[in-house]
PDB file of N, CA and C in Angstrom:
ATOM      1  N   MET A   1      -9.812  -1.624 -12.330  1.00  0.00           N
ATOM      2  CA  MET A   1      -8.406  -1.972 -12.340  1.00  0.00           C
ATOM      3  C   MET A   1      -8.170  -3.080 -11.313  1.00  0.00           C
ATOM      4  N   LYS A   2      -7.423  -4.089 -11.704  1.00  0.00           N
ATOM      5  CA  LYS A   2      -7.132  -5.209 -10.814  1.00  0.00           C
ATOM      6  C   LYS A   2      -6.090  -4.807  -9.773  1.00  0.00           C
ATOM      7  N   ILE A   3      -6.081  -5.545  -8.670  1.00  0.00           N
ATOM      8  CA  ILE A   3      -5.179  -5.202  -7.570  1.00  0.00           C
ATOM      9  C   ILE A   3      -3.713  -5.261  -8.001  1.00  0.00           C
ATOM     10  N   ASN A   4      -3.356  -6.225  -8.847  1.00  0.00           N
ATOM     11  CA  ASN A   4      -1.960  -6.302  -9.279  1.00  0.00           C
ATOM     12  C   ASN A   4      -1.562  -5.058 -10.076  1.00  0.00           C
ATOM     13  N   GLU A   5      -2.494  -4.525 -10.854  1.00  0.00           N
ATOM     14  CA  GLU A   5      -2.215  -3.307 -11.617  1.00  0.00           C
ATOM     15  C   GLU A   5      -2.095  -2.101 -10.683  1.00  0.00           C
ATOM     16  N   LYS A   6      -2.944  -2.059  -9.663  1.00  0.00           N
ATOM     17  CA  LYS A   6      -2.868  -0.964  -8.690  1.00  0.00           C
ATOM     18  C   LYS A   6      -1.539  -1.002  -7.942  1.00  0.00           C
ATOM     19  N   ILE A   7      -1.130  -2.194  -7.550  1.00  0.00           N
ATOM     20  CA  ILE A   7       0.120  -2.331  -6.805  1.00  0.00           C
ATOM     21  C   ILE A   7       1.295  -1.874  -7.659  1.00  0.00           C
ATOM     22  N   ARG A   8       1.291  -2.250  -8.917  1.00  0.00           N
ATOM     23  CA  ARG A   8       2.364  -1.823  -9.826  1.00  0.00           C
ATOM     24  C   ARG A   8       2.333  -0.301  -9.993  1.00  0.00           C
ATOM     25  N   THR A   9       1.155   0.247 -10.219  1.00  0.00           N
ATOM     26  CA  THR A   9       1.021   1.692 -10.411  1.00  0.00           C
ATOM     27  C   THR A   9       1.471   2.455  -9.172  1.00  0.00           C
ATOM     28  N   LEU A  10       1.043   2.006  -8.003  1.00  0.00           N
ATOM     29  CA  LEU A  10       1.449   2.681  -6.763  1.00  0.00           C
ATOM     30  C   LEU A  10       2.955   2.579  -6.541  1.00  0.00           C
ATOM     31  N   ARG A  11       3.529   1.428  -6.850  1.00  0.00           N
ATOM     32  CA  ARG A  11       4.976   1.270  -6.691  1.00  0.00           C
ATOM     33  C   ARG A  11       5.717   2.246  -7.599  1.00  0.00           C
ATOM     34  N   ILE A  12       5.295   2.314  -8.843  1.00  0.00           N
ATOM     35  CA  ILE A  12       5.965   3.200  -9.804  1.00  0.00           C
ATOM     36  C   ILE A  12       5.771   4.661  -9.414  1.00  0.00           C
ATOM     37  N   ARG A  13       4.557   5.030  -9.052  1.00  0.00           N
ATOM     38  CA  ARG A  13       4.301   6.429  -8.668  1.00  0.00           C
ATOM     39  C   ARG A  13       5.004   6.805  -7.373  1.00  0.00           C
ATOM     40  N   SER A  14       5.281   5.807  -6.541  1.00  0.00           N
ATOM     41  CA  SER A  14       6.027   6.052  -5.302  1.00  0.00           C
ATOM     42  C   SER A  14       7.531   5.997  -5.539  1.00  0.00           C
ATOM     43  N   ARG A  15       7.893   5.725  -6.769  1.00  0.00           N
ATOM     44  CA  ARG A  15       9.294   5.665  -7.196  1.00  0.00           C
ATOM     45  C   ARG A  15      10.096   4.602  -6.462  1.00  0.00           C
ATOM     46  N   LEU A  16       9.431   3.492  -6.186  1.00  0.00           N
ATOM     47  CA  LEU A  16      10.115   2.352  -5.586  1.00  0.00           C
ATOM     48  C   LEU A  16      10.424   1.332  -6.674  1.00  0.00           C
ATOM     49  N   THR A  17      11.521   0.643  -6.499  1.00  0.00           N
ATOM     50  CA  THR A  17      11.867  -0.434  -7.420  1.00  0.00           C
ATOM     51  C   THR A  17      11.216  -1.729  -6.942  1.00  0.00           C
ATOM     52  N   GLN A  18      11.217  -2.708  -7.808  1.00  0.00           N
ATOM     53  CA  GLN A  18      10.729  -4.020  -7.386  1.00  0.00           C
ATOM     54  C   GLN A  18      11.624  -4.577  -6.284  1.00  0.00           C
ATOM     55  N   ASN A  19      12.915  -4.281  -6.339  1.00  0.00           N
ATOM     56  CA  ASN A  19      13.829  -4.739  -5.285  1.00  0.00           C
ATOM     57  C   ASN A  19      13.480  -4.128  -3.936  1.00  0.00           C
ATOM     58  N   GLN A  20      13.205  -2.824  -3.913  1.00  0.00           N
ATOM     59  CA  GLN A  20      12.851  -2.163  -2.656  1.00  0.00           C
ATOM     60  C   GLN A  20      11.541  -2.722  -2.098  1.00  0.00           C
ATOM     61  N   THR A  21      10.579  -2.921  -2.972  1.00  0.00           N
ATOM     62  CA  THR A  21       9.292  -3.469  -2.539  1.00  0.00           C
ATOM     63  C   THR A  21       9.475  -4.891  -2.021  1.00  0.00           C
ATOM     64  N   ALA A  22      10.297  -5.661  -2.706  1.00  0.00           N
ATOM     65  CA  ALA A  22      10.577  -7.031  -2.271  1.00  0.00           C
ATOM     66  C   ALA A  22      11.250  -7.032  -0.900  1.00  0.00           C
ATOM     67  N   ASP A  23      12.220  -6.151  -0.707  1.00  0.00           N
ATOM     68  CA  ASP A  23      12.884  -6.060   0.598  1.00  0.00           C
ATOM     69  C   ASP A  23      11.891  -5.687   1.693  1.00  0.00           C
ATOM     70  N   PHE A  24      10.997  -4.762   1.382  1.00  0.00           N
ATOM     71  CA  PHE A  24       9.988  -4.335   2.354  1.00  0.00           C
ATOM     72  C   PHE A  24       9.094  -5.503   2.765  1.00  0.00           C
ATOM     73  N   LEU A  25       8.734  -6.341   1.800  1.00  0.00           N
ATOM     74  CA  LEU A  25       7.834  -7.467   2.075  1.00  0.00           C
ATOM     75  C   LEU A  25       8.573  -8.759   2.427  1.00  0.00           C
ATOM     76  N   ASP A  26       9.893  -8.727   2.399  1.00  0.00           N
ATOM     77  CA  ASP A  26      10.708  -9.925   2.661  1.00  0.00           C
ATOM     78  C   ASP A  26      10.414 -11.042   1.657  1.00  0.00           C
ATOM     79  N   VAL A  27      10.357 -10.667   0.391  1.00  0.00           N
ATOM     80  CA  VAL A  27      10.173 -11.629  -0.695  1.00  0.00           C
ATOM     81  C   VAL A  27      11.224 -11.331  -1.763  1.00  0.00           C
ATOM     82  N   THR A  28      11.211 -12.090  -2.835  1.00  0.00           N
ATOM     83  CA  THR A  28      12.172 -11.860  -3.916  1.00  0.00           C
ATOM     84  C   THR A  28      11.617 -10.856  -4.924  1.00  0.00           C
ATOM     85  N   PRO A  29      12.511 -10.153  -5.614  1.00  0.00           N
ATOM     86  CA  PRO A  29      12.046  -9.250  -6.671  1.00  0.00           C
ATOM     87  C   PRO A  29      11.262  -9.983  -7.761  1.00  0.00           C
ATOM     88  N   SER A  30      11.631 -11.219  -8.041  1.00  0.00           N
ATOM     89  CA  SER A  30      10.895 -11.964  -9.071  1.00  0.00           C
ATOM     90  C   SER A  30       9.461 -12.240  -8.619  1.00  0.00           C
ATOM     91  N   PHE A  31       9.253 -12.417  -7.317  1.00  0.00           N
ATOM     92  CA  PHE A  31       7.892 -12.597  -6.812  1.00  0.00           C
ATOM     93  C   PHE A  31       7.077 -11.323  -7.037  1.00  0.00           C
ATOM     94  N   ILE A  32       7.682 -10.164  -6.787  1.00  0.00           N
ATOM     95  CA  ILE A  32       6.990  -8.890  -7.021  1.00  0.00           C
ATOM     96  C   ILE A  32       6.630  -8.763  -8.499  1.00  0.00           C
ATOM     97  N   ALA A  33       7.546  -9.139  -9.376  1.00  0.00           N
ATOM     98  CA  ALA A  33       7.265  -9.094 -10.816  1.00  0.00           C
ATOM     99  C   ALA A  33       6.094 -10.010 -11.160  1.00  0.00           C
ATOM    100  N   GLN A  34       6.072 -11.188 -10.567  1.00  0.00           N
ATOM    101  CA  GLN A  34       4.971 -12.127 -10.817  1.00  0.00           C
ATOM    102  C   GLN A  34       3.647 -11.562 -10.310  1.00  0.00           C
ATOM    103  N   VAL A  35       3.671 -10.933  -9.152  1.00  0.00           N
ATOM    104  CA  VAL A  35       2.453 -10.319  -8.606  1.00  0.00           C
ATOM    105  C   VAL A  35       1.956  -9.239  -9.558  1.00  0.00           C
ATOM    106  N   GLU A  36       2.860  -8.384  -9.982  1.00  0.00           N
ATOM    107  CA  GLU A  36       2.478  -7.283 -10.865  1.00  0.00           C
ATOM    108  C   GLU A  36       1.984  -7.775 -12.220  1.00  0.00           C
ATOM    109  N   ASN A  37       2.463  -8.931 -12.649  1.00  0.00           N
ATOM    110  CA  ASN A  37       2.009  -9.522 -13.913  1.00  0.00           C
ATOM    111  C   ASN A  37       0.753 -10.363 -13.741  1.00  0.00           C
ATOM    112  N   GLY A  38       0.332 -10.554 -12.504  1.00  0.00           N
ATOM    113  CA  GLY A  38      -0.880 -11.313 -12.241  1.00  0.00           C
ATOM    114  C   GLY A  38      -0.694 -12.816 -12.214  1.00  0.00           C
ATOM    115  N   THR A  39       0.556 -13.275 -12.131  1.00  0.00           N
ATOM    116  CA  THR A  39       0.800 -14.717 -12.108  1.00  0.00           C
ATOM    117  C   THR A  39       1.074 -15.248 -10.704  1.00  0.00           C
ATOM    118  N   ALA A  40       1.128 -14.364  -9.722  1.00  0.00           N
ATOM    119  CA  ALA A  40       1.280 -14.757  -8.319  1.00  0.00           C
ATOM    120  C   ALA A  40       0.403 -13.826  -7.491  1.00  0.00           C
ATOM    121  N   ALA A  41       0.048 -14.292  -6.314  1.00  0.00           N
ATOM    122  CA  ALA A  41      -0.834 -13.495  -5.451  1.00  0.00           C
ATOM    123  C   ALA A  41      -0.132 -13.168  -4.138  1.00  0.00           C
ATOM    124  N   LEU A  42      -0.448 -12.000  -3.627  1.00  0.00           N
ATOM    125  CA  LEU A  42       0.047 -11.588  -2.321  1.00  0.00           C
ATOM    126  C   LEU A  42      -0.798 -12.223  -1.224  1.00  0.00           C
ATOM    127  N   THR A  43      -0.198 -12.399  -0.070  1.00  0.00           N
ATOM    128  CA  THR A  43      -0.979 -12.823   1.086  1.00  0.00           C
ATOM    129  C   THR A  43      -1.771 -11.620   1.594  1.00  0.00           C
ATOM    130  N   ALA A  44      -2.747 -11.882   2.424  1.00  0.00           N
ATOM    131  CA  ALA A  44      -3.534 -10.794   3.013  1.00  0.00           C
ATOM    132  C   ALA A  44      -2.633  -9.858   3.814  1.00  0.00           C
ATOM    133  N   ASP A  45      -1.665 -10.420   4.520  1.00  0.00           N
ATOM    134  CA  ASP A  45      -0.738  -9.596   5.295  1.00  0.00           C
ATOM    135  C   ASP A  45       0.074  -8.680   4.384  1.00  0.00           C
ATOM    136  N   MET A  46       0.525  -9.194   3.259  1.00  0.00           N
ATOM    137  CA  MET A  46       1.301  -8.375   2.324  1.00  0.00           C
ATOM    138  C   MET A  46       0.463  -7.242   1.750  1.00  0.00           C
ATOM    139  N   VAL A  47      -0.784  -7.529   1.414  1.00  0.00           N
ATOM    140  CA  VAL A  47      -1.675  -6.486   0.894  1.00  0.00           C
ATOM    141  C   VAL A  47      -1.878  -5.416   1.962  1.00  0.00           C
ATOM    142  N   ASN A  48      -2.067  -5.839   3.186  1.00  0.00           N
ATOM    143  CA  ASN A  48      -2.241  -4.898   4.295  1.00  0.00           C
ATOM    144  C   ASN A  48      -0.992  -4.035   4.482  1.00  0.00           C
ATOM    145  N   ARG A  49       0.174  -4.648   4.391  1.00  0.00           N
ATOM    146  CA  ARG A  49       1.427  -3.901   4.557  1.00  0.00           C
ATOM    147  C   ARG A  49       1.633  -2.897   3.424  1.00  0.00           C
ATOM    148  N   LEU A  50       1.294  -3.283   2.193  1.00  0.00           N
ATOM    149  CA  LEU A  50       1.422  -2.349   1.069  1.00  0.00           C
ATOM    150  C   LEU A  50       0.402  -1.222   1.177  1.00  0.00           C
ATOM    151  N   SER A  51      -0.775  -1.542   1.660  1.00  0.00           N
ATOM    152  CA  SER A  51      -1.794  -0.517   1.889  1.00  0.00           C
ATOM    153  C   SER A  51      -1.245   0.557   2.824  1.00  0.00           C
ATOM    154  N   ALA A  52      -0.603   0.119   3.886  1.00  0.00           N
ATOM    155  CA  ALA A  52      -0.026   1.067   4.846  1.00  0.00           C
ATOM    156  C   ALA A  52       1.149   1.824   4.233  1.00  0.00           C
ATOM    157  N   LEU A  53       2.013   1.124   3.521  1.00  0.00           N
ATOM    158  CA  LEU A  53       3.179   1.781   2.924  1.00  0.00           C
ATOM    159  C   LEU A  53       2.762   2.900   1.981  1.00  0.00           C
ATOM    160  N   TYR A  54       1.759   2.635   1.156  1.00  0.00           N
ATOM    161  CA  TYR A  54       1.321   3.623   0.176  1.00  0.00           C
ATOM    162  C   TYR A  54       0.257   4.566   0.737  1.00  0.00           C
ATOM    163  N   CYS A  55      -0.083   4.384   2.010  1.00  0.00           N
ATOM    164  CA  CYS A  55      -1.090   5.209   2.692  1.00  0.00           C
ATOM    165  C   CYS A  55      -2.405   5.218   1.912  1.00  0.00           C
ATOM    166  N   VAL A  56      -2.824   4.029   1.554  1.00  0.00           N
ATOM    167  CA  VAL A  56      -4.061   3.829   0.807  1.00  0.00           C
ATOM    168  C   VAL A  56      -4.969   2.943   1.655  1.00  0.00           C
ATOM    169  N   PRO A  57      -6.192   3.373   1.916  1.00  0.00           N
ATOM    170  CA  PRO A  57      -7.092   2.503   2.674  1.00  0.00           C
ATOM    171  C   PRO A  57      -7.205   1.128   2.008  1.00  0.00           C
ATOM    172  N   LEU A  58      -7.188   0.108   2.819  1.00  0.00           N
ATOM    173  CA  LEU A  58      -7.241  -1.256   2.309  1.00  0.00           C
ATOM    174  C   LEU A  58      -8.436  -1.467   1.385  1.00  0.00           C
ATOM    175  N   GLU A  59      -9.593  -0.935   1.773  1.00  0.00           N
ATOM    176  CA  GLU A  59     -10.779  -1.131   0.946  1.00  0.00           C
ATOM    177  C   GLU A  59     -10.630  -0.482  -0.430  1.00  0.00           C
ATOM    178  N   ASP A  60      -9.870   0.619  -0.513  1.00  0.00           N
ATOM    179  CA  ASP A  60      -9.626   1.250  -1.813  1.00  0.00           C
ATOM    180  C   ASP A  60      -8.662   0.422  -2.657  1.00  0.00           C
ATOM    181  N   LEU A  61      -7.717  -0.198  -1.997  1.00  0.00           N
ATOM    182  CA  LEU A  61      -6.733  -0.997  -2.719  1.00  0.00           C
ATOM    183  C   LEU A  61      -7.366  -2.244  -3.333  1.00  0.00           C
ATOM    184  N   ILE A  62      -8.290  -2.849  -2.626  1.00  0.00           N
ATOM    185  CA  ILE A  62      -8.875  -4.101  -3.121  1.00  0.00           C
ATOM    186  C   ILE A  62     -10.167  -3.899  -3.905  1.00  0.00           C
ATOM    187  N   SER A  63     -10.674  -2.673  -3.949  1.00  0.00           N
ATOM    188  CA  SER A  63     -11.910  -2.404  -4.688  1.00  0.00           C
ATOM    189  C   SER A  63     -11.583  -1.877  -6.086  1.00  0.00           C
ATOM    190  N   ASP A  64     -12.619  -1.507  -6.812  1.00  0.00           N
ATOM    191  CA  ASP A  64     -12.438  -0.933  -8.147  1.00  0.00           C
ATOM    192  C   ASP A  64     -12.087   0.549  -8.107  1.00  0.00           C
ATOM    193  N   ASN A  65     -12.063   1.134  -6.923  1.00  0.00           N
ATOM    194  CA  ASN A  65     -11.767   2.556  -6.763  1.00  0.00           C
ATOM    195  C   ASN A  65     -10.338   2.846  -7.224  1.00  0.00           C
ATOM    196  N   GLU A  66     -10.212   3.775  -8.158  1.00  0.00           N
ATOM    197  CA  GLU A  66      -8.888   4.137  -8.661  1.00  0.00           C
ATOM    198  C   GLU A  66      -8.405   5.481  -8.132  1.00  0.00           C
ATOM    199  N   GLU A  67      -9.217   6.154  -7.337  1.00  0.00           N
ATOM    200  CA  GLU A  67      -8.813   7.449  -6.785  1.00  0.00           C
ATOM    201  C   GLU A  67      -7.574   7.323  -5.910  1.00  0.00           C
ATOM    202  N   CYS A  68      -7.397   6.168  -5.296  1.00  0.00           N
ATOM    203  CA  CYS A  68      -6.258   5.969  -4.401  1.00  0.00           C
ATOM    204  C   CYS A  68      -4.927   6.075  -5.138  1.00  0.00           C
ATOM    205  N   LEU A  69      -4.957   5.996  -6.445  1.00  0.00           N
ATOM    206  CA  LEU A  69      -3.721   6.044  -7.222  1.00  0.00           C
ATOM    207  C   LEU A  69      -3.197   7.466  -7.392  1.00  0.00           C
ATOM    208  N   GLN A  70      -3.991   8.445  -7.035  1.00  0.00           N
ATOM    209  CA  GLN A  70      -3.629   9.839  -7.279  1.00  0.00           C
ATOM    210  C   GLN A  70      -2.665  10.422  -6.255  1.00  0.00           C
ATOM    211  N   ASN A  71      -2.584   9.831  -5.079  1.00  0.00           N
ATOM    212  CA  ASN A  71      -1.851  10.465  -3.985  1.00  0.00           C
ATOM    213  C   ASN A  71      -0.560   9.751  -3.604  1.00  0.00           C
ATOM    214  N   ALA A  72       0.103   9.140  -4.540  1.00  0.00           N
ATOM    215  CA  ALA A  72       1.330   8.408  -4.224  1.00  0.00           C
ATOM    216  C   ALA A  72       2.459   9.378  -3.883  1.00  0.00           C
ATOM    217  N   ASP A  73       3.121   9.102  -2.770  1.00  0.00           N
ATOM    218  CA  ASP A  73       4.264   9.914  -2.343  1.00  0.00           C
ATOM    219  C   ASP A  73       5.559   9.294  -2.852  1.00  0.00           C
ATOM    220  N   ASP A  74       6.556  10.123  -3.069  1.00  0.00           N
ATOM    221  CA  ASP A  74       7.874   9.651  -3.488  1.00  0.00           C
ATOM    222  C   ASP A  74       8.553   8.986  -2.291  1.00  0.00           C
ATOM    223  N   LEU A  75       8.724   7.681  -2.363  1.00  0.00           N
ATOM    224  CA  LEU A  75       9.340   6.932  -1.271  1.00  0.00           C
ATOM    225  C   LEU A  75      10.748   6.466  -1.621  1.00  0.00           C
ATOM    226  N   SER A  76      11.242   6.898  -2.767  1.00  0.00           N
ATOM    227  CA  SER A  76      12.582   6.474  -3.171  1.00  0.00           C
ATOM    228  C   SER A  76      13.618   7.054  -2.215  1.00  0.00           C
ATOM    229  N   GLY A  77      14.693   6.358  -2.060  1.00  0.00           N
ATOM    230  CA  GLY A  77      15.777   6.846  -1.220  1.00  0.00           C
ATOM    231  C   GLY A  77      15.678   6.455   0.240  1.00  0.00           C
ATOM    232  N   TYR A  78      14.581   5.829   0.629  1.00  0.00           N
ATOM    233  CA  TYR A  78      14.434   5.398   2.018  1.00  0.00           C
ATOM    234  C   TYR A  78      14.932   3.969   2.180  1.00  0.00           C
ATOM    235  N   SER A  79      15.513   3.698   3.322  1.00  0.00           N
ATOM    236  CA  SER A  79      15.932   2.329   3.629  1.00  0.00           C
ATOM    237  C   SER A  79      14.704   1.482   3.937  1.00  0.00           C
ATOM    238  N   VAL A  80      14.886   0.182   3.956  1.00  0.00           N
ATOM    239  CA  VAL A  80      13.779  -0.719   4.291  1.00  0.00           C
ATOM    240  C   VAL A  80      13.260  -0.415   5.689  1.00  0.00           C
ATOM    241  N   ASP A  81      14.163  -0.152   6.627  1.00  0.00           N
ATOM    242  CA  ASP A  81      13.726   0.181   7.989  1.00  0.00           C
ATOM    243  C   ASP A  81      12.886   1.452   8.004  1.00  0.00           C
ATOM    244  N   ASN A  82      13.294   2.445   7.219  1.00  0.00           N
ATOM    245  CA  ASN A  82      12.509   3.676   7.140  1.00  0.00           C
ATOM    246  C   ASN A  82      11.161   3.432   6.472  1.00  0.00           C
ATOM    247  N   LEU A  83      11.137   2.591   5.439  1.00  0.00           N
ATOM    248  CA  LEU A  83       9.865   2.264   4.791  1.00  0.00           C
ATOM    249  C   LEU A  83       8.921   1.576   5.777  1.00  0.00           C
ATOM    250  N   LYS A  84       9.469   0.712   6.612  1.00  0.00           N
ATOM    251  CA  LYS A  84       8.642   0.034   7.619  1.00  0.00           C
ATOM    252  C   LYS A  84       8.108   1.037   8.640  1.00  0.00           C
ATOM    253  N   ALA A  85       8.928   2.007   9.015  1.00  0.00           N
ATOM    254  CA  ALA A  85       8.475   3.046   9.948  1.00  0.00           C
ATOM    255  C   ALA A  85       7.396   3.912   9.303  1.00  0.00           C
ATOM    256  N   ILE A  86       7.587   4.249   8.035  1.00  0.00           N
ATOM    257  CA  ILE A  86       6.580   5.030   7.307  1.00  0.00           C
ATOM    258  C   ILE A  86       5.264   4.263   7.266  1.00  0.00           C
ATOM    259  N   ALA A  87       5.340   2.977   6.996  1.00  0.00           N
ATOM    260  CA  ALA A  87       4.130   2.149   6.947  1.00  0.00           C
ATOM    261  C   ALA A  87       3.443   2.096   8.308  1.00  0.00           C
ATOM    262  N   ASP A  88       4.225   2.017   9.383  1.00  0.00           N
ATOM    263  CA  ASP A  88       3.638   1.992  10.730  1.00  0.00           C
ATOM    264  C   ASP A  88       2.882   3.289  11.029  1.00  0.00           C
ATOM    265  N   VAL A  89       3.498   4.415  10.704  1.00  0.00           N
ATOM    266  CA  VAL A  89       2.851   5.714  10.942  1.00  0.00           C
ATOM    267  C   VAL A  89       1.622   5.855  10.042  1.00  0.00           C
ATOM    268  N   SER A  90       1.759   5.425   8.810  1.00  0.00           N
ATOM    269  CA  SER A  90       0.642   5.487   7.871  1.00  0.00           C
ATOM    270  C   SER A  90      -0.538   4.656   8.363  1.00  0.00           C
ATOM    271  N   ARG A  91      -0.245   3.483   8.897  1.00  0.00           N
ATOM    272  CA  ARG A  91      -1.306   2.613   9.415  1.00  0.00           C
ATOM    273  C   ARG A  91      -2.061   3.318  10.544  1.00  0.00           C
ATOM    274  N   ILE A  92      -1.335   4.009  11.405  1.00  0.00           N
ATOM    275  CA  ILE A  92      -1.968   4.760  12.496  1.00  0.00           C
ATOM    276  C   ILE A  92      -2.862   5.855  11.922  1.00  0.00           C
ATOM    277  N   ALA A  93      -2.352   6.582  10.924  1.00  0.00           N
ATOM    278  CA  ALA A  93      -3.139   7.658  10.308  1.00  0.00           C
ATOM    279  C   ALA A  93      -4.385   7.107   9.620  1.00  0.00           C
ATOM    280  N   LEU A  94      -4.238   6.000   8.914  1.00  0.00           N
ATOM    281  CA  LEU A  94      -5.394   5.394   8.248  1.00  0.00           C
ATOM    282  C   LEU A  94      -6.437   4.945   9.267  1.00  0.00           C
ATOM    283  N   ASN A  95      -5.983   4.353  10.364  1.00  0.00           N
ATOM    284  CA  ASN A  95      -6.916   3.910  11.406  1.00  0.00           C
ATOM    285  C   ASN A  95      -7.612   5.097  12.065  1.00  0.00           C
ATOM    286  N   ALA A  96      -6.868   6.166  12.312  1.00  0.00           N
ATOM    287  CA  ALA A  96      -7.467   7.361  12.915  1.00  0.00           C
ATOM    288  C   ALA A  96      -8.512   7.962  11.980  1.00  0.00           C
ATOM    289  N   ASN A  97      -8.203   8.005  10.701  1.00  0.00           N
ATOM    290  CA  ASN A  97      -9.149   8.529   9.718  1.00  0.00           C
ATOM    291  C   ASN A  97     -10.410   7.667   9.669  1.00  0.00           C
ATOM    292  N   PHE A  98     -10.226   6.362   9.682  1.00  0.00           N
ATOM    293  CA  PHE A  98     -11.365   5.439   9.674  1.00  0.00           C
ATOM    294  C   PHE A  98     -12.236   5.650  10.909  1.00  0.00           C
ATOM    295  N   MET A  99     -11.609   5.749  12.068  1.00  0.00           N
ATOM    296  CA  MET A  99     -12.372   5.922  13.311  1.00  0.00           C
ATOM    297  C   MET A  99     -13.107   7.260  13.324  1.00  0.00           C
ATOM    298  N   THR A 100     -12.485   8.304  12.815  1.00  0.00           N
ATOM    299  CA  THR A 100     -13.143   9.609  12.747  1.00  0.00           C
ATOM    300  C   THR A 100     -14.383   9.537  11.871  1.00  0.00           C
ATOM    301  N   ARG A 101     -14.261   8.883  10.715  1.00  0.00           N
ATOM    302  CA  ARG A 101     -15.424   8.731   9.829  1.00  0.00           C
ATOM    303  C   ARG A 101     -16.537   7.947  10.512  1.00  0.00           C
ATOM    304  N   ARG A 102     -16.172   6.891  11.228  1.00  0.00           N
ATOM    305  CA  ARG A 102     -17.179   6.075  11.928  1.00  0.00           C
ATOM    306  C   ARG A 102     -17.875   6.876  13.021  1.00  0.00           C
ATOM    307  N   LEU A 103     -17.093   7.624  13.786  1.00  0.00           N
ATOM    308  CA  LEU A 103     -17.679   8.414  14.868  1.00  0.00           C
ATOM    309  C   LEU A 103     -18.593   9.502  14.322  1.00  0.00           C
ATOM    310  N   LYS A 104     -18.195  10.125  13.227  1.00  0.00           N
ATOM    311  CA  LYS A 104     -19.052  11.141  12.614  1.00  0.00           C
ATOM    312  C   LYS A 104     -20.324  10.510  12.063  1.00  0.00           C
ATOM    313  N   ALA A 105     -20.195   9.336  11.474  1.00  0.00           N
ATOM    314  CA  ALA A 105     -21.370   8.647  10.932  1.00  0.00           C
ATOM    315  C   ALA A 105     -22.353   8.283  12.042  1.00  0.00           C
ATOM    316  N   ASN A 106     -21.825   7.986  13.215  1.00  0.00           N
ATOM    317  CA  ASN A 106     -22.672   7.645  14.366  1.00  0.00           C
ATOM    318  C   ASN A 106     -23.020   8.864  15.206  1.00  0.00           C
ATOM    319  N   LYS A 107     -22.659  10.036  14.686  1.00  0.00           N
ATOM    320  CA  LYS A 107     -22.963  11.325  15.320  1.00  0.00           C
ATOM    321  C   LYS A 107     -22.398  11.432  16.733  1.00  0.00           C
ATOM    322  N   VAL A 108     -21.243  10.812  16.930  1.00  0.00           N
ATOM    323  CA  VAL A 108     -20.544  10.932  18.208  1.00  0.00           C
ATOM    324  C   VAL A 108     -19.664  12.173  18.182  1.00  0.00           C
ATOM    325  N   LEU A 109     -19.173  12.526  17.012  1.00  0.00           N
ATOM    326  CA  LEU A 109     -18.351  13.744  16.860  1.00  0.00           C
ATOM    327  C   LEU A 109     -19.163  14.837  16.208  1.00  0.00           C
TER     328      LEU A 109
END
C-alpha cells in the first residue's frame, strides 16, 4: 500500500476530516485531497507529524507494512490544539517504545 493510501486510511479510521487534517498540518484541505489522491506529496516534516498524530511508527508509515492501519484511534471532536498535544504525547510514546526495543536488542534491559 502506498503512503498516500495509508494516510487516507488512517485519517478515515481516526474519523478526521480532510479539513481537520489540513488544520493540523497548516495546509489547505485541497492539498490533503491531492496528497490522498497521489497528485501531491507531503514534506518529511508533515509525514513525521502525521506519524505522531496517528501513533504509528514512521518506519511503518513509509514501508509496505499495513499492520499500522489496525490501531487507529477515534480523534474526531478534538480541536487542532488538542490534536497537536496528542501528537506530542504520541511522539514521546513512540520514542520510548523505540528506545526500549533498542535497549533490549543490545541486552541492556
